[in-house]
PDB file of N, CA and C in Angstrom:
ATOM      1  N   MET A   1      86.133   4.959 104.764  1.00  0.00           N
ATOM      2  CA  MET A   1      84.864   4.859 104.182  1.00  0.00           C
ATOM      3  C   MET A   1      83.922   5.869 104.824  1.00  0.00           C
ATOM      4  N   SER A   2      82.880   6.319 104.094  1.00  0.00           N
ATOM      5  CA  SER A   2      81.980   7.166 104.652  1.00  0.00           C
ATOM      6  C   SER A   2      80.861   6.712 105.518  1.00  0.00           C
ATOM      7  N   ALA A   3      80.246   7.466 106.439  1.00  0.00           N
ATOM      8  CA  ALA A   3      79.195   6.889 107.395  1.00  0.00           C
ATOM      9  C   ALA A   3      77.852   6.532 106.544  1.00  0.00           C
ATOM     10  N   PRO A   4      77.200   5.581 106.899  1.00  0.00           N
ATOM     11  CA  PRO A   4      75.921   5.296 106.213  1.00  0.00           C
ATOM     12  C   PRO A   4      75.014   6.420 106.274  1.00  0.00           C
ATOM     13  N   LEU A   5      74.304   6.483 105.107  1.00  0.00           N
ATOM     14  CA  LEU A   5      73.282   7.571 105.026  1.00  0.00           C
ATOM     15  C   LEU A   5      72.015   7.271 105.897  1.00  0.00           C
ATOM     16  N   GLU A   6      71.461   8.295 106.545  1.00  0.00           N
ATOM     17  CA  GLU A   6      70.235   7.940 107.324  1.00  0.00           C
ATOM     18  C   GLU A   6      69.144   8.645 106.651  1.00  0.00           C
ATOM     19  N   GLN A   7      67.964   8.046 106.529  1.00  0.00           N
ATOM     20  CA  GLN A   7      66.755   8.473 106.026  1.00  0.00           C
ATOM     21  C   GLN A   7      66.117   9.525 106.905  1.00  0.00           C
ATOM     22  N   GLN A   8      65.736  10.774 106.383  1.00  0.00           N
ATOM     23  CA  GLN A   8      65.067  11.623 107.339  1.00  0.00           C
ATOM     24  C   GLN A   8      63.684  11.149 107.567  1.00  0.00           C
ATOM     25  N   PRO A   9      63.146  11.516 108.688  1.00  0.00           N
ATOM     26  CA  PRO A   9      61.863  11.107 109.047  1.00  0.00           C
ATOM     27  C   PRO A   9      60.786  11.767 108.085  1.00  0.00           C
ATOM     28  N   ASP A  10      59.812  11.074 107.823  1.00  0.00           N
ATOM     29  CA  ASP A  10      58.643  11.485 106.987  1.00  0.00           C
ATOM     30  C   ASP A  10      58.000  12.701 107.767  1.00  0.00           C
ATOM     31  N   GLN A  11      57.716  13.706 106.822  1.00  0.00           N
ATOM     32  CA  GLN A  11      57.128  14.870 107.445  1.00  0.00           C
ATOM     33  C   GLN A  11      55.715  15.013 106.682  1.00  0.00           C
ATOM     34  N   ILE A  12      54.912  14.190 106.992  1.00  0.00           N
ATOM     35  CA  ILE A  12      53.543  14.245 106.374  1.00  0.00           C
ATOM     36  C   ILE A  12      52.638  15.185 107.132  1.00  0.00           C
ATOM     37  N   ARG A  13      52.094  16.198 106.554  1.00  0.00           N
ATOM     38  CA  ARG A  13      51.299  17.266 107.255  1.00  0.00           C
ATOM     39  C   ARG A  13      49.872  16.805 106.895  1.00  0.00           C
ATOM     40  N   LEU A  14      49.300  16.141 108.016  1.00  0.00           N
ATOM     41  CA  LEU A  14      47.992  15.585 107.862  1.00  0.00           C
ATOM     42  C   LEU A  14      46.969  16.810 107.775  1.00  0.00           C
ATOM     43  N   ARG A  15      47.226  17.969 108.284  1.00  0.00           N
ATOM     44  CA  ARG A  15      46.240  19.036 108.147  1.00  0.00           C
ATOM     45  C   ARG A  15      46.252  19.489 106.826  1.00  0.00           C
ATOM     46  N   VAL A  16      47.359  19.667 106.087  1.00  0.00           N
ATOM     47  CA  VAL A  16      47.279  20.065 104.711  1.00  0.00           C
ATOM     48  C   VAL A  16      46.631  19.087 103.760  1.00  0.00           C
ATOM     49  N   ILE A  17      46.843  17.782 103.982  1.00  0.00           N
ATOM     50  CA  ILE A  17      46.259  16.715 103.239  1.00  0.00           C
ATOM     51  C   ILE A  17      44.680  16.771 103.419  1.00  0.00           C
ATOM     52  N   SER A  18      44.359  16.891 104.657  1.00  0.00           N
ATOM     53  CA  SER A  18      42.924  16.865 104.920  1.00  0.00           C
ATOM     54  C   SER A  18      42.188  18.061 104.372  1.00  0.00           C
ATOM     55  N   LEU A  19      42.762  19.267 104.364  1.00  0.00           N
ATOM     56  CA  LEU A  19      42.285  20.477 103.727  1.00  0.00           C
ATOM     57  C   LEU A  19      42.100  20.258 102.286  1.00  0.00           C
ATOM     58  N   VAL A  20      43.109  19.697 101.704  1.00  0.00           N
ATOM     59  CA  VAL A  20      43.017  19.465 100.126  1.00  0.00           C
ATOM     60  C   VAL A  20      41.872  18.746  99.891  1.00  0.00           C
ATOM     61  N   GLY A  21      41.662  17.616 100.654  1.00  0.00           N
ATOM     62  CA  GLY A  21      40.656  16.534 100.392  1.00  0.00           C
ATOM     63  C   GLY A  21      39.205  17.215 100.542  1.00  0.00           C
ATOM     64  N   VAL A  22      39.135  18.021 101.572  1.00  0.00           N
ATOM     65  CA  VAL A  22      37.800  18.639 101.888  1.00  0.00           C
ATOM     66  C   VAL A  22      37.605  19.701 100.787  1.00  0.00           C
ATOM     67  N   GLY A  23      38.659  20.355 100.377  1.00  0.00           N
ATOM     68  CA  GLY A  23      38.477  21.299  99.256  1.00  0.00           C
ATOM     69  C   GLY A  23      38.069  20.651  98.012  1.00  0.00           C
ATOM     70  N   LEU A  24      38.572  19.465  97.572  1.00  0.00           N
ATOM     71  CA  LEU A  24      38.202  18.761  96.410  1.00  0.00           C
ATOM     72  C   LEU A  24      36.806  18.266  96.499  1.00  0.00           C
ATOM     73  N   VAL A  25      36.493  17.722  97.654  1.00  0.00           N
ATOM     74  CA  VAL A  25      34.986  17.289  97.791  1.00  0.00           C
ATOM     75  C   VAL A  25      34.125  18.430  97.512  1.00  0.00           C
ATOM     76  N   ALA A  26      34.477  19.663  98.151  1.00  0.00           N
ATOM     77  CA  ALA A  26      33.488  20.703  97.919  1.00  0.00           C
ATOM     78  C   ALA A  26      33.464  21.135  96.603  1.00  0.00           C
ATOM     79  N   ILE A  27      34.412  21.259  95.867  1.00  0.00           N
ATOM     80  CA  ILE A  27      34.415  21.583  94.316  1.00  0.00           C
ATOM     81  C   ILE A  27      33.613  20.573  93.581  1.00  0.00           C
ATOM     82  N   ILE A  28      33.928  19.350  93.804  1.00  0.00           N
ATOM     83  CA  ILE A  28      33.005  18.383  93.109  1.00  0.00           C
ATOM     84  C   ILE A  28      31.623  18.425  93.467  1.00  0.00           C
ATOM     85  N   VAL A  29      31.170  18.664  94.590  1.00  0.00           N
ATOM     86  CA  VAL A  29      29.758  18.754  94.925  1.00  0.00           C
ATOM     87  C   VAL A  29      29.257  20.045  94.304  1.00  0.00           C
ATOM     88  N   ALA A  30      30.103  21.145  94.249  1.00  0.00           N
ATOM     89  CA  ALA A  30      29.489  22.394  93.534  1.00  0.00           C
ATOM     90  C   ALA A  30      29.270  22.114  91.957  1.00  0.00           C
ATOM     91  N   LEU A  31      30.257  21.499  91.422  1.00  0.00           N
ATOM     92  CA  LEU A  31      30.191  21.100  89.979  1.00  0.00           C
ATOM     93  C   LEU A  31      28.986  20.161  89.744  1.00  0.00           C
ATOM     94  N   VAL A  32      28.756  19.117  90.574  1.00  0.00           N
ATOM     95  CA  VAL A  32      27.543  18.232  90.326  1.00  0.00           C
ATOM     96  C   VAL A  32      26.202  19.110  90.511  1.00  0.00           C
ATOM     97  N   VAL A  33      26.147  20.033  91.480  1.00  0.00           N
ATOM     98  CA  VAL A  33      24.984  20.862  91.592  1.00  0.00           C
ATOM     99  C   VAL A  33      24.750  21.745  90.493  1.00  0.00           C
ATOM    100  N   LEU A  34      25.814  22.388  89.864  1.00  0.00           N
ATOM    101  CA  LEU A  34      25.815  23.240  88.670  1.00  0.00           C
ATOM    102  C   LEU A  34      25.293  22.364  87.479  1.00  0.00           C
ATOM    103  N   ALA A  35      25.933  21.206  87.325  1.00  0.00           N
ATOM    104  CA  ALA A  35      25.495  20.428  86.193  1.00  0.00           C
ATOM    105  C   ALA A  35      24.064  19.866  86.291  1.00  0.00           C
ATOM    106  N   TRP A  36      23.633  19.696  87.487  1.00  0.00           N
ATOM    107  CA  TRP A  36      22.204  19.170  87.681  1.00  0.00           C
ATOM    108  C   TRP A  36      21.216  20.307  87.347  1.00  0.00           C
ATOM    109  N   THR A  37      21.446  21.545  87.772  1.00  0.00           N
ATOM    110  CA  THR A  37      20.637  22.626  87.456  1.00  0.00           C
ATOM    111  C   THR A  37      20.600  23.032  85.991  1.00  0.00           C
ATOM    112  N   ALA A  38      21.693  22.745  85.300  1.00  0.00           N
ATOM    113  CA  ALA A  38      21.836  23.002  83.913  1.00  0.00           C
ATOM    114  C   ALA A  38      21.044  22.012  83.146  1.00  0.00           C
ATOM    115  N   VAL A  39      20.956  20.616  83.550  1.00  0.00           N
ATOM    116  CA  VAL A  39      20.369  19.671  82.728  1.00  0.00           C
ATOM    117  C   VAL A  39      18.816  19.515  83.173  1.00  0.00           C
ATOM    118  N   VAL A  40      18.523  19.591  84.399  1.00  0.00           N
ATOM    119  CA  VAL A  40      17.164  19.353  84.784  1.00  0.00           C
ATOM    120  C   VAL A  40      16.482  20.775  85.115  1.00  0.00           C
ATOM    121  N   PRO A  41      15.745  21.377  84.230  1.00  0.00           N
ATOM    122  CA  PRO A  41      15.158  22.514  84.501  1.00  0.00           C
ATOM    123  C   PRO A  41      13.912  22.500  85.505  1.00  0.00           C
ATOM    124  N   SER A  42      13.627  23.414  86.168  1.00  0.00           N
ATOM    125  CA  SER A  42      12.557  23.394  87.169  1.00  0.00           C
ATOM    126  C   SER A  42      11.306  23.357  86.415  1.00  0.00           C
ATOM    127  N   ALA A  43      10.186  22.924  87.021  1.00  0.00           N
ATOM    128  CA  ALA A  43       8.840  22.798  86.521  1.00  0.00           C
ATOM    129  C   ALA A  43       8.340  24.254  86.173  1.00  0.00           C
ATOM    130  N   ALA A  44       8.771  25.234  86.919  1.00  0.00           N
ATOM    131  CA  ALA A  44       8.162  26.578  86.847  1.00  0.00           C
ATOM    132  C   ALA A  44       8.891  27.223  85.792  1.00  0.00           C
ATOM    133  N   GLY A  45      10.129  26.868  85.367  1.00  0.00           N
ATOM    134  CA  GLY A  45      10.793  27.476  84.256  1.00  0.00           C
ATOM    135  C   GLY A  45      10.449  26.863  82.830  1.00  0.00           C
ATOM    136  N   ARG A  46       9.711  25.876  82.814  1.00  0.00           N
ATOM    137  CA  ARG A  46       9.467  25.155  81.639  1.00  0.00           C
ATOM    138  C   ARG A  46       8.309  25.860  80.870  1.00  0.00           C
ATOM    139  N   PRO A  47       8.324  26.023  79.612  1.00  0.00           N
ATOM    140  CA  PRO A  47       7.245  26.497  78.850  1.00  0.00           C
ATOM    141  C   PRO A  47       6.004  25.557  78.816  1.00  0.00           C
ATOM    142  N   PRO A  48       4.768  25.932  78.821  1.00  0.00           N
ATOM    143  CA  PRO A  48       3.797  25.028  78.787  1.00  0.00           C
ATOM    144  C   PRO A  48       3.769  24.113  77.586  1.00  0.00           C
ATOM    145  N   GLU A  49       3.286  22.860  77.682  1.00  0.00           N
ATOM    146  CA  GLU A  49       3.190  22.000  76.570  1.00  0.00           C
ATOM    147  C   GLU A  49       2.277  22.436  75.588  1.00  0.00           C
ATOM    148  N   ARG A  50       2.691  22.217  74.306  1.00  0.00           N
ATOM    149  CA  ARG A  50       1.768  22.717  73.208  1.00  0.00           C
ATOM    150  C   ARG A  50       2.223  21.889  71.919  1.00  0.00           C
ATOM    151  N   ALA A  51       1.334  21.801  70.903  1.00  0.00           N
ATOM    152  CA  ALA A  51       1.635  21.015  69.846  1.00  0.00           C
ATOM    153  C   ALA A  51       2.785  21.672  68.967  1.00  0.00           C
ATOM    154  N   SER A  52       3.537  20.720  68.469  1.00  0.00           N
ATOM    155  CA  SER A  52       4.789  21.204  67.789  1.00  0.00           C
ATOM    156  C   SER A  52       4.322  21.683  66.369  1.00  0.00           C
ATOM    157  N   SER A  53       4.956  22.747  65.790  1.00  0.00           N
ATOM    158  CA  SER A  53       4.637  23.124  64.360  1.00  0.00           C
ATOM    159  C   SER A  53       5.356  22.354  63.421  1.00  0.00           C
ATOM    160  N   LEU A  54       6.146  21.409  63.709  1.00  0.00           N
ATOM    161  CA  LEU A  54       6.754  20.444  62.795  1.00  0.00           C
ATOM    162  C   LEU A  54       5.836  19.496  62.314  1.00  0.00           C
ATOM    163  N   GLU A  55       5.915  18.971  61.095  1.00  0.00           N
ATOM    164  CA  GLU A  55       5.126  17.944  60.550  1.00  0.00           C
ATOM    165  C   GLU A  55       5.583  16.578  61.038  1.00  0.00           C
ATOM    166  N   HIS A  56       4.600  15.802  61.572  1.00  0.00           N
ATOM    167  CA  HIS A  56       5.077  14.538  62.134  1.00  0.00           C
ATOM    168  C   HIS A  56       4.387  13.398  61.328  1.00  0.00           C
ATOM    169  N   GLY A  57       4.013  13.677  60.155  1.00  0.00           N
ATOM    170  CA  GLY A  57       3.356  12.792  59.201  1.00  0.00           C
ATOM    171  C   GLY A  57       4.027  11.351  59.099  1.00  0.00           C
ATOM    172  N   LEU A  58       5.329  11.419  58.701  1.00  0.00           N
ATOM    173  CA  LEU A  58       6.148  10.240  58.422  1.00  0.00           C
ATOM    174  C   LEU A  58       6.398   9.503  59.786  1.00  0.00           C
ATOM    175  N   TYR A  59       6.672  10.278  60.821  1.00  0.00           N
ATOM    176  CA  TYR A  59       6.890   9.733  62.042  1.00  0.00           C
ATOM    177  C   TYR A  59       5.652   9.043  62.623  1.00  0.00           C
ATOM    178  N   ASP A  60       4.531   9.502  62.529  1.00  0.00           N
ATOM    179  CA  ASP A  60       3.292   9.013  62.932  1.00  0.00           C
ATOM    180  C   ASP A  60       2.883   7.637  62.134  1.00  0.00           C
ATOM    181  N   GLN A  61       3.343   7.619  60.840  1.00  0.00           N
ATOM    182  CA  GLN A  61       3.043   6.490  60.029  1.00  0.00           C
ATOM    183  C   GLN A  61       4.017   5.373  60.095  1.00  0.00           C
ATOM    184  N   ALA A  62       5.181   5.585  60.803  1.00  0.00           N
ATOM    185  CA  ALA A  62       6.183   4.759  60.872  1.00  0.00           C
ATOM    186  C   ALA A  62       5.790   3.427  61.690  1.00  0.00           C
ATOM    187  N   THR A  63       6.193   2.290  61.230  1.00  0.00           N
ATOM    188  CA  THR A  63       5.893   0.975  61.807  1.00  0.00           C
ATOM    189  C   THR A  63       7.043   0.301  62.465  1.00  0.00           C
ATOM    190  N   GLY A  64       8.186   0.962  62.474  1.00  0.00           N
ATOM    191  CA  GLY A  64       9.362   0.318  63.180  1.00  0.00           C
ATOM    192  C   GLY A  64      10.019  -0.761  62.244  1.00  0.00           C
ATOM    193  N   GLY A  65       9.659  -0.799  60.932  1.00  0.00           N
ATOM    194  CA  GLY A  65      10.232  -1.894  60.038  1.00  0.00           C
ATOM    195  C   GLY A  65       9.258  -2.987  59.891  1.00  0.00           C
ATOM    196  N   ASP A  66       8.260  -3.011  60.624  1.00  0.00           N
ATOM    197  CA  ASP A  66       7.276  -4.266  60.486  1.00  0.00           C
ATOM    198  C   ASP A  66       6.831  -4.462  59.019  1.00  0.00           C
ATOM    199  N   ASP A  67       6.514  -3.357  58.278  1.00  0.00           N
ATOM    200  CA  ASP A  67       6.025  -3.490  56.942  1.00  0.00           C
ATOM    201  C   ASP A  67       7.215  -3.986  56.068  1.00  0.00           C
ATOM    202  N   VAL A  68       8.322  -3.595  56.285  1.00  0.00           N
ATOM    203  CA  VAL A  68       9.603  -4.038  55.452  1.00  0.00           C
ATOM    204  C   VAL A  68       9.852  -5.464  55.802  1.00  0.00           C
ATOM    205  N   ARG A  69       9.764  -5.919  57.023  1.00  0.00           N
ATOM    206  CA  ARG A  69      10.008  -7.314  57.463  1.00  0.00           C
ATOM    207  C   ARG A  69       8.961  -8.185  56.735  1.00  0.00           C
ATOM    208  N   ALA A  70       7.706  -7.686  56.752  1.00  0.00           N
ATOM    209  CA  ALA A  70       6.621  -8.530  56.253  1.00  0.00           C
ATOM    210  C   ALA A  70       6.784  -8.725  54.765  1.00  0.00           C
ATOM    211  N   SER A  71       7.075  -7.566  54.081  1.00  0.00           N
ATOM    212  CA  SER A  71       7.275  -7.531  52.679  1.00  0.00           C
ATOM    213  C   SER A  71       8.391  -8.604  52.228  1.00  0.00           C
ATOM    214  N   GLY A  72       9.569  -8.600  53.073  1.00  0.00           N
ATOM    215  CA  GLY A  72      10.670  -9.574  52.883  1.00  0.00           C
ATOM    216  C   GLY A  72      10.250 -11.024  53.127  1.00  0.00           C
ATOM    217  N   ALA A  73       9.340 -11.280  54.077  1.00  0.00           N
ATOM    218  CA  ALA A  73       8.858 -12.565  54.347  1.00  0.00           C
ATOM    219  C   ALA A  73       7.940 -13.019  53.180  1.00  0.00           C
ATOM    220  N   ARG A  74       7.171 -12.253  52.607  1.00  0.00           N
ATOM    221  CA  ARG A  74       6.323 -12.517  51.522  1.00  0.00           C
ATOM    222  C   ARG A  74       7.090 -12.861  50.246  1.00  0.00           C
ATOM    223  N   ARG A  75       8.201 -12.160  50.031  1.00  0.00           N
ATOM    224  CA  ARG A  75       9.188 -12.473  48.899  1.00  0.00           C
ATOM    225  C   ARG A  75       9.712 -13.844  49.064  1.00  0.00           C
ATOM    226  N   LEU A  76      10.040 -14.236  50.222  1.00  0.00           N
ATOM    227  CA  LEU A  76      10.560 -15.529  50.451  1.00  0.00           C
ATOM    228  C   LEU A  76       9.724 -16.681  50.292  1.00  0.00           C
ATOM    229  N   GLU A  77       8.439 -16.401  50.265  1.00  0.00           N
ATOM    230  CA  GLU A  77       7.347 -17.432  50.068  1.00  0.00           C
ATOM    231  C   GLU A  77       6.674 -17.506  48.792  1.00  0.00           C
ATOM    232  N   ARG A  78       7.019 -16.758  47.899  1.00  0.00           N
ATOM    233  CA  ARG A  78       6.331 -16.759  46.541  1.00  0.00           C
ATOM    234  C   ARG A  78       7.171 -17.202  45.399  1.00  0.00           C
ATOM    235  N   TYR A  79       6.506 -17.603  44.337  1.00  0.00           N
ATOM    236  CA  TYR A  79       7.155 -18.014  43.041  1.00  0.00           C
ATOM    237  C   TYR A  79       7.256 -16.921  42.137  1.00  0.00           C
ATOM    238  N   GLU A  80       8.186 -16.643  41.440  1.00  0.00           N
ATOM    239  CA  GLU A  80       8.308 -15.605  40.332  1.00  0.00           C
ATOM    240  C   GLU A  80       9.522 -15.981  39.458  1.00  0.00           C
ATOM    241  N   TRP A  81       9.324 -15.472  38.203  1.00  0.00           N
ATOM    242  CA  TRP A  81      10.547 -15.364  37.224  1.00  0.00           C
ATOM    243  C   TRP A  81      11.371 -14.236  37.627  1.00  0.00           C
ATOM    244  N   ILE A  82      12.711 -14.607  37.659  1.00  0.00           N
ATOM    245  CA  ILE A  82      13.594 -13.478  37.872  1.00  0.00           C
ATOM    246  C   ILE A  82      14.187 -13.123  36.430  1.00  0.00           C
ATOM    247  N   ASP A  83      14.539 -14.262  35.554  1.00  0.00           N
ATOM    248  CA  ASP A  83      14.993 -14.055  34.253  1.00  0.00           C
ATOM    249  C   ASP A  83      14.577 -15.278  33.440  1.00  0.00           C
ATOM    250  N   ARG A  84      13.601 -15.057  32.566  1.00  0.00           N
ATOM    251  CA  ARG A  84      13.026 -16.321  31.918  1.00  0.00           C
ATOM    252  C   ARG A  84      14.049 -16.736  30.790  1.00  0.00           C
ATOM    253  N   ALA A  85      14.760 -15.872  30.267  1.00  0.00           N
ATOM    254  CA  ALA A  85      15.781 -16.321  29.242  1.00  0.00           C
ATOM    255  C   ALA A  85      16.909 -17.217  29.856  1.00  0.00           C
ATOM    256  N   ALA A  86      17.300 -16.905  31.033  1.00  0.00           N
ATOM    257  CA  ALA A  86      18.371 -17.648  31.719  1.00  0.00           C
ATOM    258  C   ALA A  86      17.753 -18.764  32.590  1.00  0.00           C
ATOM    259  N   ARG A  87      16.282 -18.828  32.635  1.00  0.00           N
ATOM    260  CA  ARG A  87      15.673 -19.840  33.371  1.00  0.00           C
ATOM    261  C   ARG A  87      16.040 -19.781  34.869  1.00  0.00           C
ATOM    262  N   ILE A  88      15.925 -18.392  35.359  1.00  0.00           N
ATOM    263  CA  ILE A  88      16.213 -18.280  36.885  1.00  0.00           C
ATOM    264  C   ILE A  88      14.825 -17.897  37.465  1.00  0.00           C
ATOM    265  N   VAL A  89      14.436 -18.693  38.486  1.00  0.00           N
ATOM    266  CA  VAL A  89      13.167 -18.441  39.173  1.00  0.00           C
ATOM    267  C   VAL A  89      13.433 -18.105  40.642  1.00  0.00           C
ATOM    268  N   ARG A  90      12.499 -17.551  41.318  1.00  0.00           N
ATOM    269  CA  ARG A  90      12.470 -17.480  42.848  1.00  0.00           C
ATOM    270  C   ARG A  90      11.404 -18.413  43.228  1.00  0.00           C
ATOM    271  N   ILE A  91      11.802 -19.277  44.227  1.00  0.00           N
ATOM    272  CA  ILE A  91      10.869 -20.190  44.712  1.00  0.00           C
ATOM    273  C   ILE A  91      10.990 -20.018  46.313  1.00  0.00           C
ATOM    274  N   PRO A  92       9.957 -20.514  47.123  1.00  0.00           N
ATOM    275  CA  PRO A  92       9.958 -20.369  48.500  1.00  0.00           C
ATOM    276  C   PRO A  92      11.260 -20.999  49.128  1.00  0.00           C
ATOM    277  N   ILE A  93      11.774 -20.207  50.095  1.00  0.00           N
ATOM    278  CA  ILE A  93      13.071 -20.711  50.628  1.00  0.00           C
ATOM    279  C   ILE A  93      13.190 -22.073  51.176  1.00  0.00           C
ATOM    280  N   ASP A  94      12.042 -22.432  51.842  1.00  0.00           N
ATOM    281  CA  ASP A  94      12.017 -23.926  52.296  1.00  0.00           C
ATOM    282  C   ASP A  94      12.182 -24.913  51.171  1.00  0.00           C
ATOM    283  N   ARG A  95      11.429 -24.687  50.181  1.00  0.00           N
ATOM    284  CA  ARG A  95      11.493 -25.567  48.998  1.00  0.00           C
ATOM    285  C   ARG A  95      12.899 -25.534  48.435  1.00  0.00           C
ATOM    286  N   ALA A  96      13.507 -24.359  48.370  1.00  0.00           N
ATOM    287  CA  ALA A  96      14.822 -24.295  47.704  1.00  0.00           C
ATOM    288  C   ALA A  96      15.968 -25.001  48.612  1.00  0.00           C
ATOM    289  N   ILE A  97      15.791 -24.840  49.905  1.00  0.00           N
ATOM    290  CA  ILE A  97      16.713 -25.580  50.793  1.00  0.00           C
ATOM    291  C   ILE A  97      16.479 -27.126  50.598  1.00  0.00           C
ATOM    292  N   ASP A  98      15.283 -27.555  50.520  1.00  0.00           N
ATOM    293  CA  ASP A  98      15.154 -28.984  50.474  1.00  0.00           C
ATOM    294  C   ASP A  98      15.630 -29.469  48.936  1.00  0.00           C
ATOM    295  N   ALA A  99      15.392 -28.670  47.926  1.00  0.00           N
ATOM    296  CA  ALA A  99      15.932 -29.144  46.643  1.00  0.00           C
ATOM    297  C   ALA A  99      17.570 -29.062  46.565  1.00  0.00           C
ATOM    298  N   VAL A 100      18.108 -28.151  47.273  1.00  0.00           N
ATOM    299  CA  VAL A 100      19.596 -28.187  47.253  1.00  0.00           C
ATOM    300  C   VAL A 100      20.155 -29.259  48.114  1.00  0.00           C
ATOM    301  N   VAL A 101      19.532 -29.632  49.208  1.00  0.00           N
ATOM    302  CA  VAL A 101      19.923 -30.780  49.907  1.00  0.00           C
ATOM    303  C   VAL A 101      19.810 -32.170  49.212  1.00  0.00           C
ATOM    304  N   ALA A 102      18.680 -32.207  48.401  1.00  0.00           N
ATOM    305  CA  ALA A 102      18.401 -33.342  47.648  1.00  0.00           C
ATOM    306  C   ALA A 102      19.456 -33.445  46.316  1.00  0.00           C
ATOM    307  N   ASN A 103      19.677 -32.291  45.839  1.00  0.00           N
ATOM    308  CA  ASN A 103      20.680 -32.324  44.722  1.00  0.00           C
ATOM    309  C   ASN A 103      21.562 -31.119  44.751  1.00  0.00           C
ATOM    310  N   PRO A 104      22.763 -31.237  45.343  1.00  0.00           N
ATOM    311  CA  PRO A 104      23.707 -30.018  45.421  1.00  0.00           C
ATOM    312  C   PRO A 104      24.152 -29.476  44.168  1.00  0.00           C
ATOM    313  N   ALA A 105      24.003 -30.236  43.059  1.00  0.00           N
ATOM    314  CA  ALA A 105      24.388 -29.590  41.726  1.00  0.00           C
ATOM    315  C   ALA A 105      23.500 -28.466  41.276  1.00  0.00           C
ATOM    316  N   LEU A 106      22.404 -28.196  41.981  1.00  0.00           N
ATOM    317  CA  LEU A 106      21.557 -27.121  41.612  1.00  0.00           C
ATOM    318  C   LEU A 106      22.147 -25.865  41.861  1.00  0.00           C
ATOM    319  N   ILE A 107      23.160 -25.722  42.755  1.00  0.00           N
ATOM    320  CA  ILE A 107      23.821 -24.425  42.971  1.00  0.00           C
ATOM    321  C   ILE A 107      25.214 -24.523  42.631  1.00  0.00           C
ATOM    322  N   GLY A 108      25.548 -25.531  41.821  1.00  0.00           N
ATOM    323  CA  GLY A 108      27.014 -25.582  41.301  1.00  0.00           C
ATOM    324  C   GLY A 108      27.926 -26.255  42.383  1.00  0.00           C
ATOM    325  N   ALA A 109      27.526 -26.745  43.313  1.00  0.00           N
ATOM    326  CA  ALA A 109      28.370 -27.395  44.362  1.00  0.00           C
ATOM    327  C   ALA A 109      28.903 -28.592  43.852  1.00  0.00           C
ATOM    328  N   PRO A 110      30.187 -28.952  44.259  1.00  0.00           N
ATOM    329  CA  PRO A 110      30.800 -30.256  43.830  1.00  0.00           C
ATOM    330  C   PRO A 110      29.991 -31.487  44.270  1.00  0.00           C
ATOM    331  N   ARG A 111      30.005 -32.403  43.522  1.00  0.00           N
ATOM    332  CA  ARG A 111      29.173 -33.737  43.777  1.00  0.00           C
ATOM    333  C   ARG A 111      30.079 -34.549  44.609  1.00  0.00           C
TER     334      ARG A 111
END
């Protein structure tokens, strides 16, 4: 039989590993500084504030959907004919819920 194989001792070079680590940290710091200067311009390099030549009429009139929400709420609270021939009406949502709870046949639900 052959002699058992022996493992060679680990030859970790701490100096090389530490130099690679320091180099990576230096590169990362340089990239962060470069990105920071590209994204955040200095106050001296910024043009003075002035009014935009773009029209902002619609933006200034925007209400964030409040008018649409209010219009929808008004539609849920009023009575109106949808189709007179088919006898379809719009009634306030609370009244419609109460009517369906009292008589499920109004929406074609099984009895």
